Every structure is written in structure tokens, then in C-alpha cells.
C-alpha atoms as a PDB file:
ATOM      1  CA  MET A   1       7.328  -7.653  67.261  1.00  0.00           C
ATOM      2  CA  TYR A   2       5.398  -6.395  70.282  1.00  0.00           C
ATOM      3  CA  TYR A   3       4.758  -9.938  71.465  1.00  0.00           C
ATOM      4  CA  THR A   4       8.425 -10.958  71.460  1.00  0.00           C
ATOM      5  CA  SER A   5       9.907  -7.482  72.018  1.00  0.00           C
ATOM      6  CA  GLN A   6      11.818  -7.434  68.735  1.00  0.00           C
ATOM      7  CA  GLY A   7      12.958  -3.863  68.249  1.00  0.00           C
ATOM      8  CA  VAL A   8      10.236  -2.477  70.520  1.00  0.00           C
ATOM      9  CA  PRO A   9       9.347  -2.908  74.187  1.00  0.00           C
ATOM     10  CA  GLN A  10       7.187  -5.955  74.859  1.00  0.00           C
ATOM     11  CA  ASP A  11       3.556  -4.862  74.871  1.00  0.00           C
ATOM     12  CA  TYR A  12       0.894  -7.582  74.982  1.00  0.00           C
ATOM     13  CA  GLN A  13      -1.929  -5.093  74.448  1.00  0.00           C
ATOM     14  CA  GLU A  14      -0.348  -3.806  71.258  1.00  0.00           C
ATOM     15  CA  ALA A  15       0.458  -7.348  70.109  1.00  0.00           C
ATOM     16  CA  LEU A  16      -3.129  -8.346  70.812  1.00  0.00           C
ATOM     17  CA  LYS A  17      -4.413  -5.471  68.682  1.00  0.00           C
ATOM     18  CA  TRP A  18      -2.331  -6.480  65.677  1.00  0.00           C
ATOM     19  CA  PHE A  19      -2.938 -10.217  66.066  1.00  0.00           C
ATOM     20  CA  ARG A  20      -6.699  -9.594  66.299  1.00  0.00           C
ATOM     21  CA  GLN A  21      -6.717  -7.451  63.151  1.00  0.00           C
ATOM     22  CA  ALA A  22      -4.866 -10.144  61.222  1.00  0.00           C
ATOM     23  CA  ALA A  23      -6.939 -12.966  62.766  1.00  0.00           C
ATOM     24  CA  GLU A  24     -10.154 -11.254  61.735  1.00  0.00           C
ATOM     25  CA  GLN A  25      -8.865 -11.207  58.175  1.00  0.00           C
ATOM     26  CA  GLY A  26      -8.430 -14.977  58.302  1.00  0.00           C
ATOM     27  CA  PHE A  27      -4.697 -15.290  58.931  1.00  0.00           C
ATOM     28  CA  ALA A  28      -4.250 -18.637  60.637  1.00  0.00           C
ATOM     29  CA  GLN A  29      -0.968 -17.759  62.365  1.00  0.00           C
ATOM     30  CA  ALA A  30      -2.578 -14.699  63.960  1.00  0.00           C
ATOM     31  CA  GLN A  31      -5.541 -16.818  65.075  1.00  0.00           C
ATOM     32  CA  TYR A  32      -3.101 -19.260  66.627  1.00  0.00           C
ATOM     33  CA  ASN A  33      -1.217 -16.422  68.345  1.00  0.00           C
ATOM     34  CA  LEU A  34      -4.469 -15.074  69.800  1.00  0.00           C
ATOM     35  CA  GLY A  35      -5.249 -18.537  71.109  1.00  0.00           C
ATOM     36  CA  VAL A  36      -1.874 -18.735  72.797  1.00  0.00           C
ATOM     37  CA  MET A  37      -2.362 -15.306  74.369  1.00  0.00           C
ATOM     38  CA  TYR A  38      -5.753 -16.356  75.774  1.00  0.00           C
ATOM     39  CA  GLY A  39      -4.279 -19.627  76.983  1.00  0.00           C
ATOM     40  CA  LYS A  40      -1.515 -17.840  78.862  1.00  0.00           C
ATOM     41  CA  GLY A  41      -3.538 -14.792  79.893  1.00  0.00           C
ATOM     42  CA  GLN A  42      -1.158 -12.435  78.108  1.00  0.00           C
ATOM     43  CA  GLY A  43      -2.862  -9.075  77.650  1.00  0.00           C
ATOM     44  CA  VAL A  44      -6.273 -10.706  78.142  1.00  0.00           C
ATOM     45  CA  PRO A  45      -7.978 -12.635  80.909  1.00  0.00           C
ATOM     46  CA  GLN A  46      -6.887 -16.278  80.755  1.00  0.00           C
ATOM     47  CA  SER A  47      -9.567 -18.395  79.080  1.00  0.00           C
ATOM     48  CA  ASP A  48      -9.195 -22.011  78.007  1.00  0.00           C
ATOM     49  CA  ALA A  49     -12.408 -21.806  75.968  1.00  0.00           C
ATOM     50  CA  GLU A  50     -11.309 -18.694  74.085  1.00  0.00           C
ATOM     51  CA  CYS A  51      -7.863 -20.198  73.594  1.00  0.00           C
ATOM     52  CA  TYR A  52      -9.236 -23.438  72.177  1.00  0.00           C
ATOM     53  CA  ALA A  53     -11.738 -21.570  69.969  1.00  0.00           C
ATOM     54  CA  TRP A  54      -9.008 -19.525  68.268  1.00  0.00           C
ATOM     55  CA  ILE A  55      -6.812 -22.628  67.943  1.00  0.00           C
ATOM     56  CA  LEU A  56      -9.729 -24.427  66.255  1.00  0.00           C
ATOM     57  CA  LEU A  57     -10.085 -21.581  63.779  1.00  0.00           C
ATOM     58  CA  ALA A  58      -6.371 -21.624  63.014  1.00  0.00           C
ATOM     59  CA  ALA A  59      -6.477 -25.399  62.538  1.00  0.00           C
ATOM     60  CA  SER A  60      -9.483 -25.111  60.239  1.00  0.00           C
ATOM     61  CA  ASN A  61      -7.461 -22.614  58.198  1.00  0.00           C
ATOM     62  CA  GLY A  62      -4.759 -25.228  57.701  1.00  0.00           C
ATOM     63  CA  LEU A  63      -2.135 -24.291  60.288  1.00  0.00           C
ATOM     64  CA  GLU A  64      -0.431 -27.567  61.217  1.00  0.00           C
ATOM     65  CA  GLU A  65       0.931 -26.128  64.460  1.00  0.00           C
ATOM     66  CA  ALA A  66      -2.651 -25.378  65.536  1.00  0.00           C
ATOM     67  CA  SER A  67      -3.823 -28.888  64.663  1.00  0.00           C
ATOM     68  CA  LYS A  68      -1.138 -30.339  66.914  1.00  0.00           C
ATOM     69  CA  LEU A  69      -2.059 -28.029  69.795  1.00  0.00           C
ATOM     70  CA  LYS A  70      -5.747 -28.811  69.278  1.00  0.00           C
ATOM     71  CA  ALA A  71      -4.985 -32.511  69.711  1.00  0.00           C
ATOM     72  CA  LEU A  72      -3.117 -31.828  72.955  1.00  0.00           C
ATOM     73  CA  PHE A  73      -5.961 -29.703  74.332  1.00  0.00           C
ATOM     74  CA  SER A  74      -8.504 -32.364  73.356  1.00  0.00           C
ATOM     75  CA  GLN A  75      -6.740 -34.807  75.650  1.00  0.00           C
ATOM     76  CA  GLU A  76      -6.815 -32.395  78.599  1.00  0.00           C
ATOM     77  CA  MET A  77     -10.333 -30.969  78.272  1.00  0.00           C
ATOM     78  CA  ASN A  78     -13.579 -32.739  79.095  1.00  0.00           C
ATOM     79  CA  ALA A  79     -16.442 -33.071  76.616  1.00  0.00           C
ATOM     80  CA  SER A  80     -18.337 -30.127  78.098  1.00  0.00           C
ATOM     81  CA  GLN A  81     -15.318 -27.824  77.852  1.00  0.00           C
ATOM     82  CA  ILE A  82     -14.667 -28.884  74.265  1.00  0.00           C
ATOM     83  CA  ALA A  83     -18.318 -28.331  73.327  1.00  0.00           C
ATOM     84  CA  ALA A  84     -18.251 -24.828  74.855  1.00  0.00           C
ATOM     85  CA  ALA A  85     -15.047 -23.972  72.999  1.00  0.00           C
ATOM     86  CA  GLU A  86     -16.431 -25.327  69.712  1.00  0.00           C
ATOM     87  CA  GLN A  87     -19.549 -23.199  70.206  1.00  0.00           C
ATOM     88  CA  ARG A  88     -17.360 -20.165  70.860  1.00  0.00           C
ATOM     89  CA  ALA A  89     -15.400 -20.882  67.659  1.00  0.00           C
ATOM     90  CA  LYS A  90     -18.694 -20.905  65.722  1.00  0.00           C
ATOM     91  CA  GLU A  91     -19.639 -17.579  67.309  1.00  0.00           C
ATOM     92  CA  ILE A  92     -16.288 -16.058  66.378  1.00  0.00           C
ATOM     93  CA  GLN A  93     -16.605 -17.378  62.821  1.00  0.00           C
ATOM     94  CA  ALA A  94     -20.087 -15.848  62.552  1.00  0.00           C
ATOM     95  CA  GLU A  95     -18.797 -12.508  63.899  1.00  0.00           C
ATOM     96  CA  LEU A  96     -15.987 -12.551  61.353  1.00  0.00           C
ATOM     97  CA  GLY A  97     -18.454 -13.350  58.584  1.00  0.00           C
ATOM     98  CA  ARG A  98     -20.665 -10.423  59.580  1.00  0.00           C
ATOM     99  CA  LYS A  99     -17.676  -8.074  59.636  1.00  0.00           C
ATOM    100  CA  LYS A 100     -16.569  -9.303  56.222  1.00  0.00           C
ATOM    101  CA  GLY A 101     -20.078  -8.812  54.840  1.00  0.00           C
ATOM    102  CA  ALA A 102     -20.231  -5.281  56.236  1.00  0.00           C
ATOM    103  CA  ALA A 103     -16.974  -4.221  54.561  1.00  0.00           C
ATOM    104  CA  PRO A 104     -17.383  -1.873  51.568  1.00  0.00           C
END
């Protein structure tokens, strides 16, 4: 709602907060949305690596939309950029695993 200003004023920071909470719980659509926000620099500094990393996570969680976007990015990024983004996705996945393990 905050991202698209449905019933509330548009607020990328608030949208980011809610997308991140859902993404950290493994929701692929939220992971995809975070990727888009990083790709566009909406509420966060623009980062192709962070964008691609979150898109990879969403794709690995079965979101078809993310798989399609991943394919497009793969055509536009060089091997070094892809490797950096894949490494970042592994780091995010590890962070999420640690958070999940720390939950009561």
C-alpha cells in the first residue's frame, strides 16, 4: 500500500520496512519487491548487485516473475557483476538463516 500509495501517502521507507520484514520470512513477492526498489533506488541507494541478489532469492523461491527478470538482468550484466550479486544473495540467505535460527 505504501509503495503504490493505495489508501495512504506513498512512502518508500515505510514500504521498504514492510517488504523487508516479509522478505526475511521467505516471501518471494516481497523479495522481488525489494529487488525492484534497489534497482530503482526507491527508498534505498540504487544498487544493481543488491537488486539482482534479491531477485535471485525470489526466483529461487519459485516466483516466475523473478525468474524472468533474472534472465533479463543476466543479459545486461557482465560475469563479474553477476558473480558479485550471486555472492551477495548467498550472504543474504545466510543472514536470513541466522535470524531464523535465533528466533524463539
